Amino acid sequence: MGRRRKQTVKIVRRKLPELFLCPKCGKNTVSAIINKKSERATVICSNCNLNSSFRLEGQMAAVDAYCLFVDNYYGPQRAEEAPVG
């Protein structure tokens, strides 16, 4: 009789997404392009052509650029719509 073989546990490493959710059209079509030479980040939705470009701050990744893009999209509109008091 032999003994049971030891099971190996695979560790699944999660990867950051390449496409993000568009705040305007709601589809998963937003991509962030980072150009380190010119220190600019460009975020573009391939469905509704919503885009934004801004300066890089430190070690910025595509996720960070997307977060700034969404903050800029929702920021000024939400402040005007919010009731005071």
N, C-alpha and C. Protein backbone atom coordinates (compact mmCIF):
# COMPACT_ATOMS: atom_id res chain seq x y z
N MET A 1 0.84 -1.18 0.00
CA MET A 1 0.00 0.00 0.00
C MET A 1 0.88 1.24 0.00
N GLY A 2 0.47 2.16 -0.79
CA GLY A 2 1.19 3.43 -0.83
C GLY A 2 0.43 4.50 -0.08
N ARG A 3 1.10 5.55 0.21
CA ARG A 3 0.40 6.62 0.90
C ARG A 3 -0.15 7.63 -0.12
N ARG A 4 -1.03 8.50 0.34
CA ARG A 4 -1.66 9.48 -0.53
C ARG A 4 -0.65 10.53 -0.98
N ARG A 5 -0.83 10.96 -2.18
CA ARG A 5 0.04 11.99 -2.74
C ARG A 5 -0.34 13.35 -2.13
N LYS A 6 0.64 14.17 -1.82
CA LYS A 6 0.40 15.47 -1.22
C LYS A 6 -0.14 16.42 -2.29
N GLN A 7 -1.23 17.11 -1.96
CA GLN A 7 -1.83 18.03 -2.91
C GLN A 7 -1.08 19.35 -2.91
N THR A 8 -0.88 19.91 -4.09
CA THR A 8 -0.24 21.21 -4.19
C THR A 8 -1.32 22.27 -4.34
N VAL A 9 -1.14 23.36 -3.64
CA VAL A 9 -2.09 24.46 -3.69
C VAL A 9 -1.54 25.53 -4.62
N LYS A 10 -2.30 25.84 -5.67
CA LYS A 10 -1.88 26.88 -6.60
C LYS A 10 -2.30 28.24 -6.05
N ILE A 11 -1.38 29.16 -6.03
CA ILE A 11 -1.66 30.52 -5.59
C ILE A 11 -1.99 31.34 -6.83
N VAL A 12 -3.20 31.85 -6.89
CA VAL A 12 -3.64 32.63 -8.04
C VAL A 12 -3.33 34.09 -7.78
N ARG A 13 -2.50 34.66 -8.62
CA ARG A 13 -2.14 36.08 -8.51
C ARG A 13 -3.10 36.90 -9.35
N ARG A 14 -3.76 37.84 -8.73
CA ARG A 14 -4.68 38.70 -9.46
C ARG A 14 -3.91 39.77 -10.21
N LYS A 15 -4.34 40.05 -11.43
CA LYS A 15 -3.71 41.06 -12.26
C LYS A 15 -4.61 42.29 -12.32
N LEU A 16 -4.00 43.45 -12.50
CA LEU A 16 -4.77 44.66 -12.67
C LEU A 16 -5.45 44.64 -14.03
N PRO A 17 -6.67 45.15 -14.12
CA PRO A 17 -7.38 45.12 -15.40
C PRO A 17 -6.77 46.09 -16.41
N GLU A 18 -6.96 45.80 -17.70
CA GLU A 18 -6.49 46.69 -18.75
C GLU A 18 -7.61 47.61 -19.23
N LEU A 19 -8.86 47.15 -19.13
CA LEU A 19 -10.02 47.95 -19.51
C LEU A 19 -10.87 48.22 -18.28
N PHE A 20 -11.41 49.43 -18.22
CA PHE A 20 -12.18 49.85 -17.06
C PHE A 20 -13.59 50.25 -17.47
N LEU A 21 -14.46 50.46 -16.49
CA LEU A 21 -15.86 50.82 -16.70
C LEU A 21 -15.98 52.31 -16.98
N CYS A 22 -16.70 52.65 -18.04
CA CYS A 22 -16.89 54.05 -18.41
C CYS A 22 -17.98 54.67 -17.55
N PRO A 23 -17.75 55.85 -16.95
CA PRO A 23 -18.78 56.47 -16.12
C PRO A 23 -19.94 57.05 -16.94
N LYS A 24 -19.73 57.29 -18.23
CA LYS A 24 -20.76 57.89 -19.06
C LYS A 24 -21.67 56.84 -19.71
N CYS A 25 -21.06 55.87 -20.42
CA CYS A 25 -21.86 54.89 -21.16
C CYS A 25 -22.04 53.57 -20.40
N GLY A 26 -21.24 53.32 -19.37
CA GLY A 26 -21.42 52.12 -18.55
C GLY A 26 -20.82 50.85 -19.13
N LYS A 27 -20.01 50.96 -20.17
CA LYS A 27 -19.40 49.77 -20.77
C LYS A 27 -17.95 49.64 -20.31
N ASN A 28 -17.41 48.46 -20.45
CA ASN A 28 -16.05 48.15 -20.02
C ASN A 28 -15.07 48.45 -21.15
N THR A 29 -14.95 49.72 -21.55
CA THR A 29 -14.17 50.08 -22.73
C THR A 29 -13.17 51.21 -22.49
N VAL A 30 -12.90 51.58 -21.27
CA VAL A 30 -11.98 52.68 -20.98
C VAL A 30 -10.57 52.13 -20.83
N SER A 31 -9.63 52.73 -21.56
CA SER A 31 -8.22 52.33 -21.45
C SER A 31 -7.40 53.55 -21.04
N ALA A 32 -6.36 53.31 -20.26
CA ALA A 32 -5.47 54.37 -19.80
C ALA A 32 -4.11 54.18 -20.45
N ILE A 33 -3.63 55.22 -21.11
CA ILE A 33 -2.33 55.20 -21.79
C ILE A 33 -1.41 56.15 -21.05
N ILE A 34 -0.28 55.62 -20.59
CA ILE A 34 0.68 56.42 -19.84
C ILE A 34 1.93 56.62 -20.68
N ASN A 35 2.30 57.87 -20.92
CA ASN A 35 3.49 58.21 -21.67
C ASN A 35 4.49 58.82 -20.69
N LYS A 36 5.51 58.05 -20.33
CA LYS A 36 6.47 58.51 -19.31
C LYS A 36 7.43 59.55 -19.84
N LYS A 37 7.68 59.58 -21.14
CA LYS A 37 8.59 60.59 -21.71
C LYS A 37 8.00 61.99 -21.60
N SER A 38 6.74 62.14 -21.97
CA SER A 38 6.11 63.46 -21.90
C SER A 38 5.39 63.68 -20.57
N GLU A 39 5.43 62.68 -19.68
CA GLU A 39 4.81 62.74 -18.36
C GLU A 39 3.33 63.09 -18.44
N ARG A 40 2.60 62.41 -19.35
CA ARG A 40 1.17 62.63 -19.52
C ARG A 40 0.43 61.29 -19.46
N ALA A 41 -0.77 61.32 -18.94
CA ALA A 41 -1.65 60.15 -18.93
C ALA A 41 -2.91 60.51 -19.70
N THR A 42 -3.31 59.63 -20.62
CA THR A 42 -4.50 59.84 -21.42
C THR A 42 -5.46 58.69 -21.17
N VAL A 43 -6.70 59.02 -20.85
CA VAL A 43 -7.73 58.02 -20.58
C VAL A 43 -8.83 58.20 -21.62
N ILE A 44 -9.14 57.12 -22.37
CA ILE A 44 -10.07 57.20 -23.49
C ILE A 44 -11.09 56.06 -23.41
N CYS A 45 -12.36 56.40 -23.65
CA CYS A 45 -13.40 55.38 -23.81
C CYS A 45 -13.56 55.12 -25.30
N SER A 46 -13.42 53.88 -25.72
CA SER A 46 -13.50 53.56 -27.14
C SER A 46 -14.95 53.48 -27.64
N ASN A 47 -15.92 53.49 -26.74
CA ASN A 47 -17.32 53.41 -27.14
C ASN A 47 -17.92 54.80 -27.35
N CYS A 48 -17.81 55.68 -26.36
CA CYS A 48 -18.46 56.99 -26.44
C CYS A 48 -17.47 58.14 -26.66
N ASN A 49 -16.19 57.83 -26.83
CA ASN A 49 -15.12 58.81 -27.10
C ASN A 49 -14.95 59.85 -26.00
N LEU A 50 -15.31 59.52 -24.79
CA LEU A 50 -15.04 60.38 -23.64
C LEU A 50 -13.55 60.25 -23.33
N ASN A 51 -12.85 61.39 -23.23
CA ASN A 51 -11.41 61.30 -22.98
C ASN A 51 -10.95 62.42 -22.07
N SER A 52 -9.79 62.21 -21.49
CA SER A 52 -9.19 63.18 -20.60
C SER A 52 -7.69 62.95 -20.60
N SER A 53 -6.95 64.03 -20.44
CA SER A 53 -5.49 63.94 -20.40
C SER A 53 -5.00 64.83 -19.27
N PHE A 54 -4.03 64.33 -18.50
CA PHE A 54 -3.49 65.10 -17.39
C PHE A 54 -2.06 64.70 -17.12
N ARG A 55 -1.41 65.49 -16.30
CA ARG A 55 0.01 65.31 -15.99
C ARG A 55 0.19 64.18 -14.98
N LEU A 56 1.27 63.40 -15.16
CA LEU A 56 1.58 62.32 -14.23
C LEU A 56 2.11 62.88 -12.92
N GLU A 57 1.76 62.22 -11.83
CA GLU A 57 2.24 62.62 -10.51
C GLU A 57 2.95 61.43 -9.87
N GLY A 58 4.27 61.45 -9.86
CA GLY A 58 5.04 60.38 -9.24
C GLY A 58 4.94 59.08 -10.00
N GLN A 59 4.88 57.97 -9.27
CA GLN A 59 4.78 56.63 -9.86
C GLN A 59 3.32 56.28 -10.07
N MET A 60 2.74 56.75 -11.15
CA MET A 60 1.33 56.54 -11.41
C MET A 60 1.13 55.34 -12.33
N ALA A 61 0.15 54.50 -12.00
CA ALA A 61 -0.19 53.35 -12.83
C ALA A 61 -1.48 53.65 -13.59
N ALA A 62 -1.89 52.72 -14.44
CA ALA A 62 -3.10 52.91 -15.23
C ALA A 62 -4.34 53.01 -14.33
N VAL A 63 -4.34 52.28 -13.23
CA VAL A 63 -5.47 52.32 -12.29
C VAL A 63 -5.57 53.70 -11.66
N ASP A 64 -4.44 54.29 -11.32
CA ASP A 64 -4.44 55.63 -10.71
C ASP A 64 -4.96 56.67 -11.70
N ALA A 65 -4.57 56.54 -12.97
CA ALA A 65 -5.04 57.47 -14.01
C ALA A 65 -6.54 57.34 -14.18
N TYR A 66 -7.05 56.11 -14.16
CA TYR A 66 -8.50 55.89 -14.27
C TYR A 66 -9.24 56.50 -13.08
N CYS A 67 -8.70 56.36 -11.89
CA CYS A 67 -9.35 56.93 -10.69
C CYS A 67 -9.42 58.46 -10.78
N LEU A 68 -8.36 59.10 -11.25
CA LEU A 68 -8.39 60.55 -11.44
C LEU A 68 -9.41 60.94 -12.50
N PHE A 69 -9.51 60.15 -13.55
CA PHE A 69 -10.47 60.38 -14.62
C PHE A 69 -11.90 60.34 -14.08
N VAL A 70 -12.21 59.34 -13.29
CA VAL A 70 -13.56 59.20 -12.73
C VAL A 70 -13.83 60.32 -11.72
N ASP A 71 -12.84 60.68 -10.91
CA ASP A 71 -13.01 61.77 -9.95
C ASP A 71 -13.29 63.09 -10.67
N ASN A 72 -12.58 63.33 -11.78
CA ASN A 72 -12.81 64.56 -12.54
C ASN A 72 -14.17 64.53 -13.23
N TYR A 73 -14.64 63.37 -13.63
CA TYR A 73 -15.94 63.27 -14.29
C TYR A 73 -17.08 63.55 -13.31
N TYR A 74 -17.03 62.96 -12.13
CA TYR A 74 -18.11 63.11 -11.15
C TYR A 74 -17.95 64.32 -10.24
N GLY A 75 -16.74 64.84 -10.07
CA GLY A 75 -16.46 65.88 -9.09
C GLY A 75 -17.28 67.14 -9.20
N PRO A 76 -17.13 67.94 -10.26
CA PRO A 76 -17.83 69.23 -10.32
C PRO A 76 -19.35 69.09 -10.42
N GLN A 77 -19.86 68.07 -11.09
CA GLN A 77 -21.30 67.90 -11.24
C GLN A 77 -21.96 67.57 -9.91
N ARG A 78 -21.35 66.72 -9.13
CA ARG A 78 -21.94 66.30 -7.85
C ARG A 78 -21.96 67.44 -6.84
N ALA A 79 -20.94 68.31 -6.89
CA ALA A 79 -20.89 69.42 -5.94
C ALA A 79 -22.02 70.41 -6.20
N GLU A 80 -22.39 70.64 -7.47
CA GLU A 80 -23.46 71.57 -7.80
C GLU A 80 -24.84 70.99 -7.48
N GLU A 81 -25.02 69.67 -7.64
CA GLU A 81 -26.30 69.04 -7.44
C GLU A 81 -26.62 68.79 -5.96
N ALA A 82 -25.61 68.70 -5.12
CA ALA A 82 -25.81 68.36 -3.71
C ALA A 82 -26.52 69.50 -2.98
N PRO A 83 -27.59 69.19 -2.23
CA PRO A 83 -28.28 70.23 -1.47
C PRO A 83 -27.46 70.67 -0.27
N VAL A 84 -27.52 71.94 0.04
CA VAL A 84 -26.78 72.51 1.17
C VAL A 84 -27.64 72.42 2.41
N GLY A 85 -27.04 71.97 3.52
CA GLY A 85 -27.77 71.98 4.78
C GLY A 85 -28.09 70.65 5.22
